[in-house]
Amino acid sequence: MTTLSFDEDGVDVVYQGTEFRLSSDLVERAIGRPYMEVTDHEVLKIVEPDPALTGEPRRVQDILR
């Protein structure tokens, strides 16, 4: 299971027991949109090759409210 923890500067990720950080700049370049408009599902797709997406995607700005 992958864990994503968002803040205004990026995402802390735990993937297969490995912890790392994706900066907001890196996420913006990878997705092609401003960080606050990116969804949790899109970030998960950066991390996992074939993620099991459940629920509705949520934008970072909505998560941080």
C-alpha atoms as a PDB file:
ATOM      1  CA  MET A   1       0.000   0.000   0.000  1.00  0.00           C
ATOM      2  CA  THR A   2       1.199   3.491  -0.861  1.00  0.00           C
ATOM      3  CA  THR A   3       0.701   6.399   1.529  1.00  0.00           C
ATOM      4  CA  LEU A   4       0.602  10.006   0.305  1.00  0.00           C
ATOM      5  CA  SER A   5       0.814  12.947   2.735  1.00  0.00           C
ATOM      6  CA  PHE A   6       0.311  16.319   1.058  1.00  0.00           C
ATOM      7  CA  ASP A   7       1.427  19.757   2.203  1.00  0.00           C
ATOM      8  CA  GLU A   8       1.880  23.062   0.390  1.00  0.00           C
ATOM      9  CA  ASP A   9       5.441  22.228  -0.692  1.00  0.00           C
ATOM     10  CA  GLY A  10       4.981  18.673  -1.951  1.00  0.00           C
ATOM     11  CA  VAL A  11       4.104  15.108  -1.045  1.00  0.00           C
ATOM     12  CA  ASP A  12       5.663  12.707   1.441  1.00  0.00           C
ATOM     13  CA  VAL A  13       5.362   9.206   0.006  1.00  0.00           C
ATOM     14  CA  VAL A  14       5.749   5.742   1.501  1.00  0.00           C
ATOM     15  CA  TYR A  15       5.918   3.151  -1.280  1.00  0.00           C
ATOM     16  CA  GLN A  16       6.781  -0.489  -0.574  1.00  0.00           C
ATOM     17  CA  GLY A  17       8.408   0.527   2.716  1.00  0.00           C
ATOM     18  CA  THR A  18      10.521   3.288   1.161  1.00  0.00           C
ATOM     19  CA  GLU A  19       9.923   6.873   2.248  1.00  0.00           C
ATOM     20  CA  PHE A  20      10.658   9.791  -0.086  1.00  0.00           C
ATOM     21  CA  ARG A  21       9.423  13.246  -0.994  1.00  0.00           C
ATOM     22  CA  LEU A  22       8.081  14.631  -4.274  1.00  0.00           C
ATOM     23  CA  SER A  23       8.445  18.402  -4.392  1.00  0.00           C
ATOM     24  CA  SER A  24       5.563  20.468  -5.729  1.00  0.00           C
ATOM     25  CA  ASP A  25       7.807  21.591  -8.624  1.00  0.00           C
ATOM     26  CA  LEU A  26       8.517  17.986  -9.590  1.00  0.00           C
ATOM     27  CA  VAL A  27       4.807  17.100  -9.468  1.00  0.00           C
ATOM     28  CA  GLU A  28       3.938  20.154 -11.611  1.00  0.00           C
ATOM     29  CA  ARG A  29       6.519  19.186 -14.247  1.00  0.00           C
ATOM     30  CA  ALA A  30       5.379  15.558 -14.286  1.00  0.00           C
ATOM     31  CA  ILE A  31       1.650  16.355 -14.589  1.00  0.00           C
ATOM     32  CA  GLY A  32       1.824  19.627 -16.529  1.00  0.00           C
ATOM     33  CA  ARG A  33      -0.496  21.631 -14.263  1.00  0.00           C
ATOM     34  CA  PRO A  34      -0.124  23.773 -11.138  1.00  0.00           C
ATOM     35  CA  TYR A  35       0.439  21.668  -8.023  1.00  0.00           C
ATOM     36  CA  MET A  36      -2.773  22.770  -6.304  1.00  0.00           C
ATOM     37  CA  GLU A  37      -4.823  21.524  -9.305  1.00  0.00           C
ATOM     38  CA  VAL A  38      -3.223  18.065  -9.426  1.00  0.00           C
ATOM     39  CA  THR A  39      -5.239  15.170  -7.983  1.00  0.00           C
ATOM     40  CA  ASP A  40      -4.176  12.503  -5.524  1.00  0.00           C
ATOM     41  CA  HIS A  41      -4.844   9.880  -8.225  1.00  0.00           C
ATOM     42  CA  GLU A  42      -2.410  11.617 -10.593  1.00  0.00           C
ATOM     43  CA  VAL A  43       0.308  11.659  -7.938  1.00  0.00           C
ATOM     44  CA  LEU A  44      -0.321   7.992  -7.185  1.00  0.00           C
ATOM     45  CA  LYS A  45       0.157   7.226 -10.896  1.00  0.00           C
ATOM     46  CA  ILE A  46       3.607   8.875 -10.712  1.00  0.00           C
ATOM     47  CA  VAL A  47       4.607   6.571  -7.858  1.00  0.00           C
ATOM     48  CA  GLU A  48       2.994   3.235  -8.745  1.00  0.00           C
ATOM     49  CA  PRO A  49       3.143   1.559 -12.157  1.00  0.00           C
ATOM     50  CA  ASP A  50      -0.446   0.244 -11.983  1.00  0.00           C
ATOM     51  CA  PRO A  51      -2.245   1.727  -8.952  1.00  0.00           C
ATOM     52  CA  ALA A  52      -5.585   0.471  -7.666  1.00  0.00           C
ATOM     53  CA  LEU A  53      -7.515   3.747  -7.753  1.00  0.00           C
ATOM     54  CA  THR A  54     -10.534   3.921  -5.450  1.00  0.00           C
ATOM     55  CA  GLY A  55     -12.947   6.719  -4.686  1.00  0.00           C
ATOM     56  CA  GLU A  56     -13.154  10.073  -6.399  1.00  0.00           C
ATOM     57  CA  PRO A  57      -9.911  11.905  -7.200  1.00  0.00           C
ATOM     58  CA  ARG A  58      -9.281  14.899  -4.943  1.00  0.00           C
ATOM     59  CA  ARG A  59      -7.319  18.013  -5.881  1.00  0.00           C
ATOM     60  CA  VAL A  60      -4.405  18.979  -3.653  1.00  0.00           C
ATOM     61  CA  GLN A  61      -6.056  22.318  -2.825  1.00  0.00           C
ATOM     62  CA  ASP A  62      -9.142  20.459  -1.550  1.00  0.00           C
ATOM     63  CA  ILE A  63      -7.036  18.044   0.502  1.00  0.00           C
ATOM     64  CA  LEU A  64      -5.204  20.931   2.191  1.00  0.00           C
ATOM     65  CA  ARG A  65      -8.388  22.775   3.231  1.00  0.00           C
END
